């Protein structure tokens, strides 16, 4: 169904995102704490979201730079 390593990595990234944005893991960040003056929960959401976008960009760019096997 999924051919190539990039497709498998995209599926794994999807499941990682689903797990990270699910209730049990998000509940870890729901405290009345502040980091550099910012509330912890929105900051954690932003960092997780940015990390997933960076991982997606890495998977998509890395896939195009792989030299063909001879």
PDB file of N, CA and C in Angstrom:
ATOM      1  N   UNK A   1       0.819  -1.186   0.000  1.00  0.00           N
ATOM      2  CA  UNK A   1       0.000   0.000   0.000  1.00  0.00           C
ATOM      3  C   UNK A   1       0.867   1.255   0.000  1.00  0.00           C
ATOM      4  N   UNK A   2       1.785   1.362   0.946  1.00  0.00           N
ATOM      5  CA  UNK A   2       2.688   2.506   0.983  1.00  0.00           C
ATOM      6  C   UNK A   2       4.036   2.050   0.458  1.00  0.00           C
ATOM      7  N   UNK A   3       4.457   2.676  -0.610  1.00  0.00           N
ATOM      8  CA  UNK A   3       5.732   2.292  -1.211  1.00  0.00           C
ATOM      9  C   UNK A   3       6.777   3.332  -0.848  1.00  0.00           C
ATOM     10  N   UNK A   4       7.893   2.881  -0.398  1.00  0.00           N
ATOM     11  CA  UNK A   4       8.986   3.779  -0.085  1.00  0.00           C
ATOM     12  C   UNK A   4       9.043   4.155   1.384  1.00  0.00           C
ATOM     13  N   UNK A   5      10.224   4.527   1.768  1.00  0.00           N
ATOM     14  CA  UNK A   5      10.470   4.886   3.153  1.00  0.00           C
ATOM     15  C   UNK A   5       9.802   6.201   3.532  1.00  0.00           C
ATOM     16  N   UNK A   6       9.693   7.133   2.599  1.00  0.00           N
ATOM     17  CA  UNK A   6       9.084   8.425   2.903  1.00  0.00           C
ATOM     18  C   UNK A   6       7.606   8.263   3.256  1.00  0.00           C
ATOM     19  N   UNK A   7       6.890   7.416   2.549  1.00  0.00           N
ATOM     20  CA  UNK A   7       5.479   7.191   2.860  1.00  0.00           C
ATOM     21  C   UNK A   7       5.318   6.557   4.234  1.00  0.00           C
ATOM     22  N   UNK A   8       6.198   5.645   4.570  1.00  0.00           N
ATOM     23  CA  UNK A   8       6.140   5.021   5.894  1.00  0.00           C
ATOM     24  C   UNK A   8       6.440   6.042   6.986  1.00  0.00           C
ATOM     25  N   UNK A   9       7.376   6.928   6.731  1.00  0.00           N
ATOM     26  CA  UNK A   9       7.690   7.969   7.709  1.00  0.00           C
ATOM     27  C   UNK A   9       6.530   8.951   7.871  1.00  0.00           C
ATOM     28  N   UNK A  10       5.827   9.257   6.781  1.00  0.00           N
ATOM     29  CA  UNK A  10       4.672  10.149   6.877  1.00  0.00           C
ATOM     30  C   UNK A  10       3.552   9.518   7.691  1.00  0.00           C
ATOM     31  N   UNK A  11       3.342   8.223   7.522  1.00  0.00           N
ATOM     32  CA  UNK A  11       2.318   7.528   8.308  1.00  0.00           C
ATOM     33  C   UNK A  11       2.726   7.519   9.779  1.00  0.00           C
ATOM     34  N   UNK A  12       3.990   7.257  10.054  1.00  0.00           N
ATOM     35  CA  UNK A  12       4.469   7.278  11.437  1.00  0.00           C
ATOM     36  C   UNK A  12       4.346   8.672  12.039  1.00  0.00           C
ATOM     37  N   UNK A  13       4.603   9.693  11.258  1.00  0.00           N
ATOM     38  CA  UNK A  13       4.463  11.071  11.725  1.00  0.00           C
ATOM     39  C   UNK A  13       3.005  11.411  12.025  1.00  0.00           C
ATOM     40  N   UNK A  14       2.089  10.900  11.209  1.00  0.00           N
ATOM     41  CA  UNK A  14       0.671  11.106  11.463  1.00  0.00           C
ATOM     42  C   UNK A  14       0.260  10.493  12.805  1.00  0.00           C
ATOM     43  N   UNK A  15       0.683   9.253  13.048  1.00  0.00           N
ATOM     44  CA  UNK A  15       0.316   8.607  14.303  1.00  0.00           C
ATOM     45  C   UNK A  15       0.994   9.269  15.507  1.00  0.00           C
ATOM     46  N   UNK A  16       2.203   9.780  15.313  1.00  0.00           N
ATOM     47  CA  UNK A  16       2.865  10.517  16.393  1.00  0.00           C
ATOM     48  C   UNK A  16       2.099  11.799  16.711  1.00  0.00           C
ATOM     49  N   UNK A  17       1.630  12.495  15.667  1.00  0.00           N
ATOM     50  CA  UNK A  17       0.849  13.715  15.887  1.00  0.00           C
ATOM     51  C   UNK A  17      -0.468  13.402  16.584  1.00  0.00           C
ATOM     52  N   UNK A  18      -1.110  12.314  16.174  1.00  0.00           N
ATOM     53  CA  UNK A  18      -2.373  11.935  16.810  1.00  0.00           C
ATOM     54  C   UNK A  18      -2.154  11.607  18.281  1.00  0.00           C
ATOM     55  N   UNK A  19      -1.050  10.965  18.593  1.00  0.00           N
ATOM     56  CA  UNK A  19      -0.759  10.628  19.989  1.00  0.00           C
ATOM     57  C   UNK A  19      -0.391  11.877  20.791  1.00  0.00           C
ATOM     58  N   UNK A  20       0.392  12.773  20.208  1.00  0.00           N
ATOM     59  CA  UNK A  20       0.833  13.962  20.937  1.00  0.00           C
ATOM     60  C   UNK A  20      -0.300  14.947  21.193  1.00  0.00           C
ATOM     61  N   UNK A  21      -1.280  15.005  20.299  1.00  0.00           N
ATOM     62  CA  UNK A  21      -2.400  15.922  20.490  1.00  0.00           C
ATOM     63  C   UNK A  21      -3.609  15.248  21.124  1.00  0.00           C
ATOM     64  N   UNK A  22      -3.426  14.073  21.694  1.00  0.00           N
ATOM     65  CA  UNK A  22      -4.501  13.370  22.366  1.00  0.00           C
ATOM     66  C   UNK A  22      -4.511  13.755  23.846  1.00  0.00           C
ATOM     67  N   UNK A  23      -5.613  13.462  24.524  1.00  0.00           N
ATOM     68  CA  UNK A  23      -5.803  13.927  25.896  1.00  0.00           C
ATOM     69  C   UNK A  23      -4.730  13.501  26.892  1.00  0.00           C
ATOM     70  N   UNK A  24      -4.348  12.241  27.002  1.00  0.00           N
ATOM     71  CA  UNK A  24      -3.433  11.895  28.095  1.00  0.00           C
ATOM     72  C   UNK A  24      -2.098  12.644  28.060  1.00  0.00           C
ATOM     73  N   UNK A  25      -1.553  12.836  26.874  1.00  0.00           N
ATOM     74  CA  UNK A  25      -0.272  13.548  26.805  1.00  0.00           C
ATOM     75  C   UNK A  25      -0.444  15.055  26.947  1.00  0.00           C
ATOM     76  N   UNK A  26      -1.542  15.594  26.447  1.00  0.00           N
ATOM     77  CA  UNK A  26      -1.768  17.028  26.617  1.00  0.00           C
ATOM     78  C   UNK A  26      -2.049  17.386  28.073  1.00  0.00           C
ATOM     79  N   UNK A  27      -2.584  16.451  28.834  1.00  0.00           N
ATOM     80  CA  UNK A  27      -2.876  16.718  30.246  1.00  0.00           C
ATOM     81  C   UNK A  27      -1.591  16.920  31.050  1.00  0.00           C
ATOM     82  N   UNK A  28      -0.471  16.434  30.540  1.00  0.00           N
ATOM     83  CA  UNK A  28       0.803  16.640  31.235  1.00  0.00           C
ATOM     84  C   UNK A  28       1.183  18.117  31.308  1.00  0.00           C
ATOM     85  N   UNK A  29       0.745  18.894  30.318  1.00  0.00           N
ATOM     86  CA  UNK A  29       1.135  20.299  30.228  1.00  0.00           C
ATOM     87  C   UNK A  29       0.110  21.246  30.827  1.00  0.00           C
ATOM     88  N   UNK A  30      -1.026  20.756  31.296  1.00  0.00           N
ATOM     89  CA  UNK A  30      -2.105  21.615  31.780  1.00  0.00           C
ATOM     90  C   UNK A  30      -1.902  21.958  33.254  1.00  0.00           C
ATOM     91  N   UNK A  31      -0.996  22.902  33.511  1.00  0.00           N
ATOM     92  CA  UNK A  31      -0.692  23.369  34.865  1.00  0.00           C
ATOM     93  C   UNK A  31      -0.696  24.898  34.872  1.00  0.00           C
ATOM     94  N   UNK A  32      -0.776  25.455  36.045  1.00  0.00           N
ATOM     95  CA  UNK A  32      -0.690  26.913  36.171  1.00  0.00           C
ATOM     96  C   UNK A  32       0.776  27.323  36.315  1.00  0.00           C
ATOM     97  N   UNK A  33       1.540  27.028  35.298  1.00  0.00           N
ATOM     98  CA  UNK A  33       2.959  27.368  35.302  1.00  0.00           C
ATOM     99  C   UNK A  33       3.243  28.290  34.121  1.00  0.00           C
ATOM    100  N   UNK A  34       4.336  29.008  34.240  1.00  0.00           N
ATOM    101  CA  UNK A  34       4.747  29.916  33.173  1.00  0.00           C
ATOM    102  C   UNK A  34       6.218  29.674  32.850  1.00  0.00           C
ATOM    103  N   UNK A  35       6.523  29.786  31.569  1.00  0.00           N
ATOM    104  CA  UNK A  35       7.893  29.678  31.084  1.00  0.00           C
ATOM    105  C   UNK A  35       8.201  30.960  30.335  1.00  0.00           C
ATOM    106  N   UNK A  36       9.148  31.717  30.824  1.00  0.00           N
ATOM    107  CA  UNK A  36       9.509  33.012  30.257  1.00  0.00           C
ATOM    108  C   UNK A  36       8.289  33.931  30.142  1.00  0.00           C
ATOM    109  N   UNK A  37       7.397  33.840  31.106  1.00  0.00           N
ATOM    110  CA  UNK A  37       6.218  34.689  31.136  1.00  0.00           C
ATOM    111  C   UNK A  37       5.054  34.184  30.298  1.00  0.00           C
ATOM    112  N   UNK A  38       5.226  33.047  29.624  1.00  0.00           N
ATOM    113  CA  UNK A  38       4.167  32.497  28.786  1.00  0.00           C
ATOM    114  C   UNK A  38       3.524  31.307  29.492  1.00  0.00           C
ATOM    115  N   UNK A  39       2.210  31.144  29.388  1.00  0.00           N
ATOM    116  CA  UNK A  39       1.560  29.984  29.995  1.00  0.00           C
ATOM    117  C   UNK A  39       2.087  28.690  29.371  1.00  0.00           C
ATOM    118  N   UNK A  40       2.229  27.661  30.192  1.00  0.00           N
ATOM    119  CA  UNK A  40       2.867  26.420  29.759  1.00  0.00           C
ATOM    120  C   UNK A  40       2.054  25.684  28.699  1.00  0.00           C
ATOM    121  N   UNK A  41       0.746  25.596  28.861  1.00  0.00           N
ATOM    122  CA  UNK A  41      -0.065  24.794  27.947  1.00  0.00           C
ATOM    123  C   UNK A  41      -0.038  25.316  26.507  1.00  0.00           C
ATOM    124  N   UNK A  42      -0.316  26.607  26.260  1.00  0.00           N
ATOM    125  CA  UNK A  42      -0.227  27.081  24.872  1.00  0.00           C
ATOM    126  C   UNK A  42       1.194  27.012  24.317  1.00  0.00           C
ATOM    127  N   UNK A  43       2.180  27.224  25.162  1.00  0.00           N
ATOM    128  CA  UNK A  43       3.561  27.115  24.717  1.00  0.00           C
ATOM    129  C   UNK A  43       3.882  25.696  24.294  1.00  0.00           C
ATOM    130  N   UNK A  44       3.431  24.709  25.067  1.00  0.00           N
ATOM    131  CA  UNK A  44       3.659  23.304  24.717  1.00  0.00           C
ATOM    132  C   UNK A  44       2.952  22.952  23.415  1.00  0.00           C
ATOM    133  N   UNK A  45       1.732  23.432  23.238  1.00  0.00           N
ATOM    134  CA  UNK A  45       1.011  23.175  21.984  1.00  0.00           C
ATOM    135  C   UNK A  45       1.777  23.747  20.797  1.00  0.00           C
ATOM    136  N   UNK A  46       2.276  24.961  20.944  1.00  0.00           N
ATOM    137  CA  UNK A  46       3.003  25.601  19.860  1.00  0.00           C
ATOM    138  C   UNK A  46       4.307  24.861  19.553  1.00  0.00           C
ATOM    139  N   UNK A  47       5.025  24.426  20.580  1.00  0.00           N
ATOM    140  CA  UNK A  47       6.292  23.715  20.375  1.00  0.00           C
ATOM    141  C   UNK A  47       6.049  22.358  19.715  1.00  0.00           C
ATOM    142  N   UNK A  48       5.021  21.635  20.161  1.00  0.00           N
ATOM    143  CA  UNK A  48       4.694  20.345  19.545  1.00  0.00           C
ATOM    144  C   UNK A  48       4.288  20.541  18.083  1.00  0.00           C
ATOM    145  N   UNK A  49       3.449  21.529  17.836  1.00  0.00           N
ATOM    146  CA  UNK A  49       2.997  21.820  16.480  1.00  0.00           C
ATOM    147  C   UNK A  49       4.174  22.200  15.575  1.00  0.00           C
ATOM    148  N   UNK A  50       5.047  23.054  16.072  1.00  0.00           N
ATOM    149  CA  UNK A  50       6.223  23.447  15.293  1.00  0.00           C
ATOM    150  C   UNK A  50       7.166  22.287  15.038  1.00  0.00           C
ATOM    151  N   UNK A  51       7.329  21.419  16.035  1.00  0.00           N
ATOM    152  CA  UNK A  51       8.176  20.245  15.859  1.00  0.00           C
ATOM    153  C   UNK A  51       7.623  19.290  14.815  1.00  0.00           C
ATOM    154  N   UNK A  52       6.309  19.128  14.800  1.00  0.00           N
ATOM    155  CA  UNK A  52       5.701  18.264  13.788  1.00  0.00           C
ATOM    156  C   UNK A  52       5.840  18.853  12.391  1.00  0.00           C
ATOM    157  N   UNK A  53       5.716  20.163  12.269  1.00  0.00           N
ATOM    158  CA  UNK A  53       5.908  20.800  10.968  1.00  0.00           C
ATOM    159  C   UNK A  53       7.358  20.659  10.515  1.00  0.00           C
ATOM    160  N   UNK A  54       8.300  20.821  11.436  1.00  0.00           N
ATOM    161  CA  UNK A  54       9.715  20.659  11.092  1.00  0.00           C
ATOM    162  C   UNK A  54      10.015  19.219  10.685  1.00  0.00           C
ATOM    163  N   UNK A  55       9.432  18.250  11.389  1.00  0.00           N
ATOM    164  CA  UNK A  55       9.636  16.845  11.039  1.00  0.00           C
ATOM    165  C   UNK A  55       9.031  16.534   9.672  1.00  0.00           C
ATOM    166  N   UNK A  56       7.868  17.094   9.380  1.00  0.00           N
ATOM    167  CA  UNK A  56       7.237  16.899   8.080  1.00  0.00           C
ATOM    168  C   UNK A  56       8.097  17.505   6.966  1.00  0.00           C
ATOM    169  N   UNK A  57       8.614  18.690   7.194  1.00  0.00           N
ATOM    170  CA  UNK A  57       9.478  19.328   6.200  1.00  0.00           C
ATOM    171  C   UNK A  57      10.741  18.512   5.987  1.00  0.00           C
ATOM    172  N   UNK A  58      11.309  17.973   7.064  1.00  0.00           N
ATOM    173  CA  UNK A  58      12.510  17.157   6.937  1.00  0.00           C
ATOM    174  C   UNK A  58      12.235  15.894   6.135  1.00  0.00           C
ATOM    175  N   UNK A  59      11.121  15.234   6.409  1.00  0.00           N
ATOM    176  CA  UNK A  59      10.784  14.006   5.674  1.00  0.00           C
ATOM    177  C   UNK A  59      10.580  14.318   4.200  1.00  0.00           C
ATOM    178  N   UNK A  60       9.887  15.380   3.889  1.00  0.00           N
ATOM    179  CA  UNK A  60       9.611  15.707   2.491  1.00  0.00           C
ATOM    180  C   UNK A  60      10.866  16.162   1.754  1.00  0.00           C
ATOM    181  N   UNK A  61      11.720  16.922   2.392  1.00  0.00           N
ATOM    182  CA  UNK A  61      12.934  17.390   1.731  1.00  0.00           C
ATOM    183  C   UNK A  61      13.984  16.291   1.640  1.00  0.00           C
ATOM    184  N   UNK A  62      14.092  15.476   2.651  1.00  0.00           N
ATOM    185  CA  UNK A  62      15.096  14.412   2.651  1.00  0.00           C
ATOM    186  C   UNK A  62      14.776  13.384   1.575  1.00  0.00           C
ATOM    187  N   UNK A  63      13.507  13.120   1.345  1.00  0.00           N
ATOM    188  CA  UNK A  63      13.093  12.143   0.346  1.00  0.00           C
ATOM    189  C   UNK A  63      13.553  12.558  -1.044  1.00  0.00           C
ATOM    190  N   UNK A  64      13.559  13.849  -1.348  1.00  0.00           N
ATOM    191  CA  UNK A  64      13.943  14.304  -2.669  1.00  0.00           C
ATOM    192  C   UNK A  64      15.439  14.324  -2.902  1.00  0.00           C
ATOM    193  N   UNK A  65      16.249  14.280  -1.849  1.00  0.00           N
ATOM    194  CA  UNK A  65      17.698  14.393  -1.988  1.00  0.00           C
ATOM    195  C   UNK A  65      18.415  13.044  -1.936  1.00  0.00           C
ATOM    196  N   UNK A  66      17.680  11.952  -1.919  1.00  0.00           N
ATOM    197  CA  UNK A  66      18.313  10.640  -1.857  1.00  0.00           C
ATOM    198  C   UNK A  66      18.762  10.262  -3.257  1.00  0.00           C
ATOM    199  N   UNK A  67      20.066   9.972  -3.435  1.00  0.00           N
ATOM    200  CA  UNK A  67      20.530   9.597  -4.773  1.00  0.00           C
ATOM    201  C   UNK A  67      19.999   8.213  -5.160  1.00  0.00           C
ATOM    202  N   UNK A  68      19.730   7.997  -6.420  1.00  0.00           N
ATOM    203  CA  UNK A  68      19.218   6.684  -6.834  1.00  0.00           C
ATOM    204  C   UNK A  68      20.284   5.617  -6.671  1.00  0.00           C
ATOM    205  N   UNK A  69      19.836   4.430  -6.311  1.00  0.00           N
ATOM    206  CA  UNK A  69      20.766   3.298  -6.122  1.00  0.00           C
ATOM    207  C   UNK A  69      21.143   2.734  -7.483  1.00  0.00           C
ATOM    208  N   UNK A  70      22.425   2.480  -7.647  1.00  0.00           N
ATOM    209  CA  UNK A  70      22.894   1.906  -8.929  1.00  0.00           C
ATOM    210  C   UNK A  70      22.935   0.412  -8.881  1.00  0.00           C
TER     211      UNK A  70
END
